Amino acid sequence: PNHPAFGEYGLFCALPEGLPPGAWILDYVGKVTLGEKQDKSSDYVSDFGEKSELACDANTYGNEARFLNDFRNTGSFPNVEFNTRRDRHGELRQGVFVKLKKDAKIANAKTGQEFDGIKQHEELLVSYGKSYWRSRVGNLTDFVWRLPGQPPVANRPSAVGIDTGDCTKNGGDAA
């Protein structure tokens, strides 16, 4: 009940060996359009391209990547990020990658351990970006009630999420 997407879907690492920093996990799949023609009302749009000129919208169809949750209010830092990549045919793709060690914040603020990848059963968390949240909730200061490294908050505001399903510590869809 302390997860902002409690009762909804999430994406988790199912690999016993986990995922190392920099690893490509999967692509974000959906309808690709020019950025200026994207559906502004969709919660599943990810801008990409060499100059963010394209938009990939997984609202009507996509893959497991659409279940990535934002890190805000989870008490954790983002551990994955979107990066463009070329597939074996040279096609431009919006890939989901484990953050590199040099780009990641401390994974465990209490112990001071450095980020060394994603462990089995750990949720994959990305940053949707401040503009995503500002367009939906307005003032981010009022919206963010739990910073990374902070314990769960009793009597927290209502959960904000993306999909329906089960977003628990070790549940949800796995990559």
N, C-alpha and C. Protein backbone atom coordinates (compact mmCIF):
# COMPACT_ATOMS: atom_id res chain seq x y z
N PRO A 1 0.80 -1.21 0.00
CA PRO A 1 0.00 0.00 0.00
C PRO A 1 0.83 1.27 0.00
N ASN A 2 2.16 1.16 0.11
CA ASN A 2 3.01 2.35 0.13
C ASN A 2 3.57 2.70 -1.24
N HIS A 3 3.13 2.04 -2.26
CA HIS A 3 3.59 2.31 -3.62
C HIS A 3 2.57 3.22 -4.29
N PRO A 4 3.02 4.27 -5.00
CA PRO A 4 2.05 5.18 -5.64
C PRO A 4 1.18 4.50 -6.70
N ALA A 5 1.61 3.35 -7.20
CA ALA A 5 0.82 2.62 -8.19
C ALA A 5 0.25 1.34 -7.56
N PHE A 6 0.06 1.32 -6.25
CA PHE A 6 -0.49 0.14 -5.58
C PHE A 6 -1.82 -0.25 -6.21
N GLY A 7 -1.97 -1.54 -6.50
CA GLY A 7 -3.18 -2.03 -7.14
C GLY A 7 -3.13 -1.92 -8.65
N GLU A 8 -1.98 -1.55 -9.20
CA GLU A 8 -1.83 -1.38 -10.63
C GLU A 8 -0.63 -2.19 -11.10
N TYR A 9 -0.30 -2.11 -12.39
CA TYR A 9 0.79 -2.89 -12.94
C TYR A 9 2.15 -2.25 -12.73
N GLY A 10 3.19 -3.07 -12.81
CA GLY A 10 4.56 -2.62 -12.78
C GLY A 10 5.40 -3.61 -13.56
N LEU A 11 6.66 -3.27 -13.79
CA LEU A 11 7.57 -4.15 -14.52
C LEU A 11 8.72 -4.49 -13.59
N PHE A 12 9.02 -5.79 -13.45
CA PHE A 12 10.01 -6.25 -12.49
C PHE A 12 11.03 -7.16 -13.16
N CYS A 13 12.21 -7.24 -12.59
CA CYS A 13 13.26 -8.11 -13.10
C CYS A 13 13.01 -9.54 -12.62
N ALA A 14 12.89 -10.48 -13.56
CA ALA A 14 12.66 -11.88 -13.23
C ALA A 14 13.93 -12.72 -13.34
N LEU A 15 15.01 -12.12 -13.82
CA LEU A 15 16.24 -12.88 -14.04
C LEU A 15 16.96 -13.14 -12.73
N PRO A 16 17.30 -14.41 -12.42
CA PRO A 16 17.99 -14.71 -11.16
C PRO A 16 19.31 -13.95 -11.01
N GLU A 17 20.00 -13.71 -12.12
CA GLU A 17 21.29 -13.01 -12.07
C GLU A 17 21.12 -11.49 -12.10
N GLY A 18 19.89 -11.01 -12.27
CA GLY A 18 19.64 -9.58 -12.33
C GLY A 18 20.08 -8.99 -13.66
N LEU A 19 20.21 -7.68 -13.68
CA LEU A 19 20.60 -6.95 -14.90
C LEU A 19 21.74 -6.00 -14.58
N PRO A 20 22.84 -6.07 -15.32
CA PRO A 20 23.98 -5.19 -15.05
C PRO A 20 23.77 -3.77 -15.59
N PRO A 21 24.50 -2.79 -15.05
CA PRO A 21 24.41 -1.42 -15.57
C PRO A 21 24.68 -1.38 -17.08
N GLY A 22 23.87 -0.61 -17.79
CA GLY A 22 24.05 -0.45 -19.23
C GLY A 22 23.35 -1.48 -20.09
N ALA A 23 22.77 -2.53 -19.47
CA ALA A 23 22.15 -3.60 -20.24
C ALA A 23 20.88 -3.11 -20.94
N TRP A 24 20.71 -3.52 -22.22
CA TRP A 24 19.46 -3.27 -22.94
C TRP A 24 18.46 -4.30 -22.44
N ILE A 25 17.26 -3.86 -22.08
CA ILE A 25 16.25 -4.77 -21.55
C ILE A 25 15.22 -5.12 -22.62
N LEU A 26 14.58 -4.11 -23.19
CA LEU A 26 13.58 -4.28 -24.23
C LEU A 26 13.33 -2.93 -24.87
N ASP A 27 12.58 -2.93 -25.95
CA ASP A 27 12.21 -1.69 -26.62
C ASP A 27 10.83 -1.24 -26.17
N TYR A 28 10.61 0.06 -26.19
CA TYR A 28 9.29 0.63 -25.95
C TYR A 28 8.57 0.60 -27.29
N VAL A 29 7.49 -0.16 -27.38
CA VAL A 29 6.80 -0.40 -28.65
C VAL A 29 5.44 0.29 -28.65
N GLY A 30 5.08 0.87 -29.78
CA GLY A 30 3.77 1.50 -29.94
C GLY A 30 3.66 2.15 -31.31
N LYS A 31 2.66 3.00 -31.47
CA LYS A 31 2.44 3.72 -32.72
C LYS A 31 3.42 4.89 -32.80
N VAL A 32 4.22 4.93 -33.86
CA VAL A 32 5.22 5.98 -34.02
C VAL A 32 4.68 7.07 -34.95
N THR A 33 4.79 8.32 -34.48
CA THR A 33 4.36 9.48 -35.27
C THR A 33 5.42 10.56 -35.13
N LEU A 34 5.29 11.60 -35.94
CA LEU A 34 6.12 12.78 -35.73
C LEU A 34 5.69 13.42 -34.41
N GLY A 35 6.62 13.95 -33.68
CA GLY A 35 6.35 14.51 -32.37
C GLY A 35 5.20 15.49 -32.31
N GLU A 36 5.11 16.37 -33.30
CA GLU A 36 4.05 17.38 -33.27
C GLU A 36 2.66 16.78 -33.51
N LYS A 37 2.60 15.52 -33.98
CA LYS A 37 1.31 14.88 -34.22
C LYS A 37 0.93 13.88 -33.12
N GLN A 38 1.70 13.87 -32.03
CA GLN A 38 1.41 12.91 -30.96
C GLN A 38 0.09 13.23 -30.25
N ASP A 39 -0.50 12.22 -29.65
CA ASP A 39 -1.73 12.37 -28.89
C ASP A 39 -1.38 12.96 -27.52
N LYS A 40 -1.68 14.21 -27.32
CA LYS A 40 -1.33 14.92 -26.08
C LYS A 40 -2.09 14.37 -24.87
N SER A 41 -3.18 13.65 -25.09
CA SER A 41 -3.96 13.12 -23.97
C SER A 41 -3.49 11.73 -23.53
N SER A 42 -2.59 11.10 -24.27
CA SER A 42 -2.13 9.75 -23.94
C SER A 42 -1.13 9.77 -22.80
N ASP A 43 -1.25 8.79 -21.91
CA ASP A 43 -0.30 8.61 -20.81
C ASP A 43 0.85 7.70 -21.21
N TYR A 44 0.88 7.25 -22.45
CA TYR A 44 1.86 6.26 -22.89
C TYR A 44 2.78 6.75 -24.00
N VAL A 45 2.96 8.05 -24.13
CA VAL A 45 3.81 8.61 -25.18
C VAL A 45 5.23 8.80 -24.66
N SER A 46 6.18 8.35 -25.45
CA SER A 46 7.59 8.56 -25.15
C SER A 46 8.23 9.21 -26.37
N ASP A 47 8.77 10.41 -26.18
CA ASP A 47 9.47 11.09 -27.28
C ASP A 47 10.81 10.41 -27.51
N PHE A 48 11.22 10.31 -28.77
CA PHE A 48 12.53 9.75 -29.07
C PHE A 48 12.99 10.20 -30.43
N GLY A 49 14.14 9.72 -30.83
CA GLY A 49 14.75 10.13 -32.09
C GLY A 49 16.04 10.85 -31.79
N GLU A 50 16.79 11.12 -32.82
CA GLU A 50 18.08 11.78 -32.62
C GLU A 50 17.92 13.17 -32.03
N LYS A 51 16.76 13.82 -32.28
CA LYS A 51 16.48 15.15 -31.72
C LYS A 51 15.07 15.18 -31.10
N SER A 52 14.63 14.03 -30.59
CA SER A 52 13.29 13.88 -30.01
C SER A 52 12.19 14.32 -30.96
N GLU A 53 12.39 14.05 -32.24
CA GLU A 53 11.42 14.46 -33.26
C GLU A 53 10.29 13.45 -33.46
N LEU A 54 10.40 12.28 -32.83
CA LEU A 54 9.40 11.24 -32.98
C LEU A 54 8.70 10.98 -31.64
N ALA A 55 7.53 10.36 -31.72
CA ALA A 55 6.79 9.98 -30.53
C ALA A 55 6.32 8.54 -30.70
N CYS A 56 6.49 7.75 -29.66
CA CYS A 56 6.03 6.36 -29.65
C CYS A 56 4.91 6.27 -28.61
N ASP A 57 3.70 5.94 -29.06
CA ASP A 57 2.53 5.90 -28.18
C ASP A 57 2.06 4.46 -28.01
N ALA A 58 2.15 3.95 -26.80
CA ALA A 58 1.73 2.58 -26.49
C ALA A 58 0.32 2.54 -25.90
N ASN A 59 -0.46 3.58 -26.11
CA ASN A 59 -1.81 3.64 -25.55
C ASN A 59 -2.73 2.55 -26.11
N THR A 60 -2.74 2.38 -27.44
CA THR A 60 -3.64 1.41 -28.05
C THR A 60 -2.98 0.06 -28.31
N TYR A 61 -1.68 0.05 -28.49
CA TYR A 61 -0.94 -1.21 -28.58
C TYR A 61 0.51 -0.95 -28.19
N GLY A 62 1.14 -2.01 -27.69
CA GLY A 62 2.51 -1.89 -27.24
C GLY A 62 2.98 -3.22 -26.66
N ASN A 63 3.97 -3.14 -25.78
CA ASN A 63 4.49 -4.34 -25.14
C ASN A 63 4.62 -4.09 -23.64
N GLU A 64 5.35 -4.94 -22.96
CA GLU A 64 5.50 -4.85 -21.51
C GLU A 64 6.08 -3.53 -21.04
N ALA A 65 6.84 -2.86 -21.88
CA ALA A 65 7.49 -1.61 -21.48
C ALA A 65 6.48 -0.54 -21.07
N ARG A 66 5.25 -0.65 -21.53
CA ARG A 66 4.24 0.35 -21.16
C ARG A 66 3.89 0.28 -19.67
N PHE A 67 4.34 -0.76 -18.98
CA PHE A 67 4.06 -0.90 -17.55
C PHE A 67 5.18 -0.37 -16.67
N LEU A 68 6.17 0.29 -17.27
CA LEU A 68 7.21 0.94 -16.46
C LEU A 68 6.57 2.06 -15.63
N ASN A 69 6.86 2.09 -14.35
CA ASN A 69 6.35 3.15 -13.48
C ASN A 69 7.41 4.22 -13.28
N ASP A 70 6.94 5.43 -12.99
CA ASP A 70 7.82 6.54 -12.64
C ASP A 70 8.34 6.32 -11.22
N PHE A 71 9.55 6.79 -10.96
CA PHE A 71 10.17 6.59 -9.66
C PHE A 71 9.59 7.49 -8.56
N ARG A 72 8.94 8.57 -8.94
CA ARG A 72 8.47 9.53 -7.94
C ARG A 72 7.53 8.89 -6.92
N ASN A 73 7.77 9.19 -5.66
CA ASN A 73 6.98 8.74 -4.51
C ASN A 73 7.13 7.25 -4.20
N THR A 74 8.09 6.56 -4.85
CA THR A 74 8.33 5.14 -4.52
C THR A 74 9.38 4.98 -3.43
N GLY A 75 10.17 6.02 -3.17
CA GLY A 75 11.27 5.91 -2.22
C GLY A 75 12.55 5.42 -2.88
N SER A 76 12.52 5.22 -4.19
CA SER A 76 13.69 4.74 -4.94
C SER A 76 14.04 5.72 -6.05
N PHE A 77 15.28 5.61 -6.52
CA PHE A 77 15.72 6.39 -7.67
C PHE A 77 15.39 5.62 -8.94
N PRO A 78 15.35 6.30 -10.10
CA PRO A 78 15.15 5.56 -11.35
C PRO A 78 16.35 4.65 -11.59
N ASN A 79 16.07 3.42 -12.06
CA ASN A 79 17.15 2.48 -12.33
C ASN A 79 17.22 2.09 -13.80
N VAL A 80 16.27 2.58 -14.61
CA VAL A 80 16.31 2.38 -16.06
C VAL A 80 16.07 3.72 -16.74
N GLU A 81 16.42 3.77 -18.02
CA GLU A 81 16.23 4.99 -18.80
C GLU A 81 15.95 4.64 -20.24
N PHE A 82 15.34 5.59 -20.95
CA PHE A 82 15.10 5.43 -22.38
C PHE A 82 16.31 5.95 -23.13
N ASN A 83 16.77 5.19 -24.10
CA ASN A 83 17.84 5.62 -25.02
C ASN A 83 17.52 5.08 -26.40
N THR A 84 17.84 5.86 -27.42
CA THR A 84 17.62 5.36 -28.77
C THR A 84 18.70 4.34 -29.11
N ARG A 85 18.34 3.42 -29.96
CA ARG A 85 19.27 2.40 -30.43
C ARG A 85 18.87 2.01 -31.83
N ARG A 86 19.76 1.36 -32.54
CA ARG A 86 19.47 0.83 -33.88
C ARG A 86 19.37 -0.69 -33.77
N ASP A 87 18.34 -1.26 -34.37
CA ASP A 87 18.24 -2.72 -34.36
C ASP A 87 19.14 -3.29 -35.45
N ARG A 88 19.11 -4.59 -35.63
CA ARG A 88 20.02 -5.24 -36.59
C ARG A 88 19.73 -4.86 -38.03
N HIS A 89 18.56 -4.26 -38.29
CA HIS A 89 18.20 -3.80 -39.64
C HIS A 89 18.44 -2.31 -39.81
N GLY A 90 18.97 -1.66 -38.79
CA GLY A 90 19.25 -0.24 -38.85
C GLY A 90 18.08 0.65 -38.46
N GLU A 91 16.96 0.04 -38.04
CA GLU A 91 15.78 0.81 -37.64
C GLU A 91 16.03 1.47 -36.27
N LEU A 92 15.56 2.71 -36.15
CA LEU A 92 15.68 3.44 -34.89
C LEU A 92 14.65 2.91 -33.90
N ARG A 93 15.09 2.62 -32.68
CA ARG A 93 14.21 2.08 -31.64
C ARG A 93 14.36 2.90 -30.36
N GLN A 94 13.30 2.92 -29.57
CA GLN A 94 13.33 3.54 -28.24
C GLN A 94 13.59 2.40 -27.26
N GLY A 95 14.84 2.26 -26.83
CA GLY A 95 15.20 1.16 -25.95
C GLY A 95 15.10 1.53 -24.48
N VAL A 96 14.87 0.51 -23.66
CA VAL A 96 14.89 0.66 -22.21
C VAL A 96 16.18 -0.01 -21.73
N PHE A 97 17.02 0.78 -21.05
CA PHE A 97 18.33 0.31 -20.61
C PHE A 97 18.48 0.49 -19.10
N VAL A 98 19.23 -0.42 -18.48
CA VAL A 98 19.61 -0.23 -17.07
C VAL A 98 20.54 0.97 -17.04
N LYS A 99 20.29 1.87 -16.10
CA LYS A 99 21.15 3.05 -15.99
C LYS A 99 22.60 2.62 -15.75
N LEU A 100 23.51 3.38 -16.29
CA LEU A 100 24.93 3.14 -16.06
C LEU A 100 25.29 3.56 -14.65
N LYS A 101 26.27 2.91 -14.08
CA LYS A 101 26.70 3.20 -12.71
C LYS A 101 27.02 4.68 -12.55
N LYS A 102 27.71 5.26 -13.52
CA LYS A 102 28.11 6.67 -13.41
C LYS A 102 26.92 7.63 -13.49
N ASP A 103 25.81 7.17 -14.06
CA ASP A 103 24.63 8.02 -14.21
C ASP A 103 23.60 7.81 -13.12
N ALA A 104 23.78 6.78 -12.29
CA ALA A 104 22.77 6.43 -11.29
C ALA A 104 23.06 7.08 -9.95
N LYS A 105 22.01 7.35 -9.22
CA LYS A 105 22.14 7.85 -7.85
C LYS A 105 22.46 6.67 -6.95
N ILE A 106 22.75 6.91 -5.70
CA ILE A 106 23.01 5.82 -4.75
C ILE A 106 21.75 4.96 -4.67
N ALA A 107 21.90 3.65 -4.85
CA ALA A 107 20.75 2.76 -4.87
C ALA A 107 20.15 2.60 -3.47
N ASN A 108 20.96 2.61 -2.45
CA ASN A 108 20.46 2.43 -1.10
C ASN A 108 21.02 3.54 -0.22
N ALA A 109 20.24 4.56 0.02
CA ALA A 109 20.71 5.72 0.78
C ALA A 109 21.09 5.36 2.21
N LYS A 110 20.48 4.33 2.79
CA LYS A 110 20.78 3.95 4.17
C LYS A 110 22.16 3.31 4.30
N THR A 111 22.51 2.43 3.36
CA THR A 111 23.78 1.73 3.46
C THR A 111 24.88 2.42 2.67
N GLY A 112 24.51 3.32 1.77
CA GLY A 112 25.50 3.99 0.95
C GLY A 112 26.04 3.14 -0.17
N GLN A 113 25.42 1.98 -0.44
CA GLN A 113 25.88 1.11 -1.52
C GLN A 113 25.70 1.80 -2.86
N GLU A 114 26.68 1.64 -3.73
CA GLU A 114 26.57 2.20 -5.07
C GLU A 114 25.67 1.33 -5.93
N PHE A 115 25.14 1.94 -6.97
CA PHE A 115 24.28 1.24 -7.91
C PHE A 115 25.11 0.21 -8.68
N ASP A 116 24.68 -1.04 -8.64
CA ASP A 116 25.40 -2.08 -9.37
C ASP A 116 24.47 -2.89 -10.26
N GLY A 117 23.39 -2.26 -10.69
CA GLY A 117 22.46 -2.95 -11.56
C GLY A 117 21.14 -3.21 -10.86
N ILE A 118 20.33 -4.06 -11.46
CA ILE A 118 19.00 -4.36 -10.94
C ILE A 118 18.97 -5.82 -10.49
N LYS A 119 18.50 -6.04 -9.29
CA LYS A 119 18.42 -7.39 -8.71
C LYS A 119 17.11 -8.06 -9.10
N GLN A 120 17.09 -9.40 -8.99
CA GLN A 120 15.87 -10.15 -9.24
C GLN A 120 14.74 -9.63 -8.34
N HIS A 121 13.55 -9.52 -8.85
CA HIS A 121 12.33 -9.05 -8.18
C HIS A 121 12.29 -7.54 -7.96
N GLU A 122 13.33 -6.83 -8.34
CA GLU A 122 13.34 -5.37 -8.18
C GLU A 122 12.50 -4.73 -9.28
N GLU A 123 11.74 -3.70 -8.92
CA GLU A 123 10.92 -3.01 -9.91
C GLU A 123 11.78 -2.13 -10.80
N LEU A 124 11.47 -2.12 -12.09
CA LEU A 124 12.14 -1.24 -13.03
C LEU A 124 11.43 0.11 -12.97
N LEU A 125 12.18 1.16 -12.65
CA LEU A 125 11.62 2.50 -12.48
C LEU A 125 12.34 3.48 -13.39
N VAL A 126 11.57 4.31 -14.06
CA VAL A 126 12.10 5.30 -14.99
C VAL A 126 11.64 6.68 -14.52
N SER A 127 12.23 7.71 -15.07
CA SER A 127 11.73 9.06 -14.84
C SER A 127 10.87 9.45 -16.03
N TYR A 128 9.60 9.73 -15.80
CA TYR A 128 8.73 10.19 -16.88
C TYR A 128 9.10 11.60 -17.30
N GLY A 129 9.79 12.30 -16.46
CA GLY A 129 10.18 13.68 -16.73
C GLY A 129 9.24 14.66 -16.05
N LYS A 130 9.79 15.79 -15.67
CA LYS A 130 9.00 16.80 -14.97
C LYS A 130 7.85 17.33 -15.81
N SER A 131 8.06 17.47 -17.14
CA SER A 131 7.00 18.01 -17.99
C SER A 131 5.79 17.08 -18.03
N TYR A 132 6.01 15.77 -17.97
CA TYR A 132 4.90 14.81 -17.93
C TYR A 132 4.01 15.09 -16.72
N TRP A 133 4.65 15.21 -15.54
CA TRP A 133 3.89 15.40 -14.32
C TRP A 133 3.30 16.81 -14.21
N ARG A 134 4.03 17.81 -14.65
CA ARG A 134 3.49 19.17 -14.60
C ARG A 134 2.22 19.29 -15.43
N SER A 135 2.17 18.59 -16.57
CA SER A 135 0.98 18.67 -17.43
C SER A 135 -0.21 17.93 -16.82
N ARG A 136 0.04 17.09 -15.83
CA ARG A 136 -1.04 16.31 -15.22
C ARG A 136 -1.42 16.78 -13.82
N VAL A 137 -0.42 17.22 -13.03
CA VAL A 137 -0.71 17.59 -11.64
C VAL A 137 -0.38 19.03 -11.30
N GLY A 138 0.27 19.73 -12.22
CA GLY A 138 0.63 21.12 -11.96
C GLY A 138 1.88 21.25 -11.12
N ASN A 139 1.74 21.61 -9.88
CA ASN A 139 2.85 21.88 -8.98
C ASN A 139 3.51 20.59 -8.49
N LEU A 140 4.74 20.34 -8.90
CA LEU A 140 5.44 19.13 -8.48
C LEU A 140 5.75 19.12 -6.99
N THR A 141 5.95 20.28 -6.40
CA THR A 141 6.26 20.35 -4.98
C THR A 141 5.13 19.76 -4.15
N ASP A 142 3.90 20.03 -4.53
CA ASP A 142 2.76 19.47 -3.82
C ASP A 142 2.53 18.00 -4.15
N PHE A 143 2.94 17.59 -5.34
CA PHE A 143 2.71 16.22 -5.79
C PHE A 143 3.70 15.23 -5.17
N VAL A 144 4.96 15.60 -5.06
CA VAL A 144 5.99 14.67 -4.55
C VAL A 144 5.93 14.65 -3.03
N TRP A 145 5.57 13.51 -2.47
CA TRP A 145 5.45 13.38 -1.03
C TRP A 145 6.43 12.40 -0.43
N ARG A 146 7.22 11.72 -1.26
CA ARG A 146 8.22 10.77 -0.76
C ARG A 146 9.44 10.83 -1.66
N LEU A 147 10.56 11.25 -1.13
CA LEU A 147 11.79 11.34 -1.90
C LEU A 147 12.54 10.02 -1.86
N PRO A 148 13.41 9.76 -2.85
CA PRO A 148 14.20 8.54 -2.83
C PRO A 148 14.98 8.42 -1.52
N GLY A 149 14.96 7.22 -0.95
CA GLY A 149 15.67 6.95 0.30
C GLY A 149 14.81 7.18 1.53
N GLN A 150 13.65 7.80 1.38
CA GLN A 150 12.77 8.04 2.52
C GLN A 150 11.87 6.83 2.76
N PRO A 151 11.52 6.58 4.03
CA PRO A 151 10.61 5.46 4.34
C PRO A 151 9.19 5.79 3.88
N PRO A 152 8.34 4.77 3.82
CA PRO A 152 6.93 5.00 3.45
C PRO A 152 6.29 6.01 4.40
N VAL A 153 5.30 6.73 3.88
CA VAL A 153 4.61 7.76 4.64
C VAL A 153 3.23 7.26 5.03
N ALA A 154 2.90 7.34 6.33
CA ALA A 154 1.55 7.00 6.77
C ALA A 154 0.60 8.10 6.32
N ASN A 155 -0.63 7.74 6.03
CA ASN A 155 -1.65 8.71 5.61
C ASN A 155 -1.21 9.52 4.38
N ARG A 156 -0.60 8.83 3.43
CA ARG A 156 -0.15 9.50 2.22
C ARG A 156 -1.32 9.87 1.34
N PRO A 157 -1.09 10.75 0.36
CA PRO A 157 -2.16 11.11 -0.58
C PRO A 157 -2.61 9.89 -1.39
N SER A 158 -3.69 10.02 -2.10
CA SER A 158 -4.20 8.94 -2.94
C SER A 158 -3.16 8.51 -3.95
N ALA A 159 -3.17 7.23 -4.28
CA ALA A 159 -2.20 6.68 -5.24
C ALA A 159 -2.42 7.26 -6.62
N VAL A 160 -1.32 7.50 -7.33
CA VAL A 160 -1.37 7.94 -8.71
C VAL A 160 -0.69 6.86 -9.52
N GLY A 161 -1.33 6.36 -10.57
CA GLY A 161 -0.73 5.29 -11.34
C GLY A 161 -1.14 5.32 -12.79
N ILE A 162 -0.74 4.29 -13.49
CA ILE A 162 -0.94 4.26 -14.92
C ILE A 162 -1.95 3.18 -15.34
N ASP A 163 -1.78 1.93 -14.88
CA ASP A 163 -2.62 0.83 -15.33
C ASP A 163 -3.26 0.12 -14.15
N THR A 164 -4.26 -0.70 -14.42
CA THR A 164 -4.86 -1.51 -13.37
C THR A 164 -4.13 -2.83 -13.29
N GLY A 165 -4.04 -3.40 -12.13
CA GLY A 165 -3.36 -4.67 -11.94
C GLY A 165 -2.80 -4.76 -10.56
N ASP A 166 -1.68 -5.44 -10.38
CA ASP A 166 -1.11 -5.66 -9.06
C ASP A 166 0.32 -5.18 -9.02
N CYS A 167 0.57 -4.05 -8.39
CA CYS A 167 1.92 -3.52 -8.27
C CYS A 167 2.36 -3.69 -6.82
N THR A 168 2.90 -4.87 -6.50
CA THR A 168 3.41 -5.15 -5.18
C THR A 168 4.90 -5.37 -5.29
N LYS A 169 5.57 -5.54 -4.18
CA LYS A 169 7.04 -5.62 -4.18
C LYS A 169 7.55 -6.70 -5.14
N ASN A 170 6.98 -7.88 -5.13
CA ASN A 170 7.50 -8.96 -5.97
C ASN A 170 6.49 -9.45 -6.99
N GLY A 171 5.52 -8.61 -7.35
CA GLY A 171 4.51 -9.03 -8.31
C GLY A 171 4.59 -8.26 -9.60
N GLY A 172 3.58 -8.40 -10.41
CA GLY A 172 3.54 -7.64 -11.65
C GLY A 172 4.20 -8.37 -12.80
N ASP A 173 4.33 -7.69 -13.89
CA ASP A 173 4.96 -8.27 -15.08
C ASP A 173 6.46 -8.23 -14.94
N ALA A 174 7.14 -9.18 -15.53
CA ALA A 174 8.60 -9.27 -15.41
C ALA A 174 9.26 -9.12 -16.76
N ALA A 175 10.46 -8.56 -16.73
CA ALA A 175 11.25 -8.43 -17.95
C ALA A 175 12.42 -9.37 -17.88
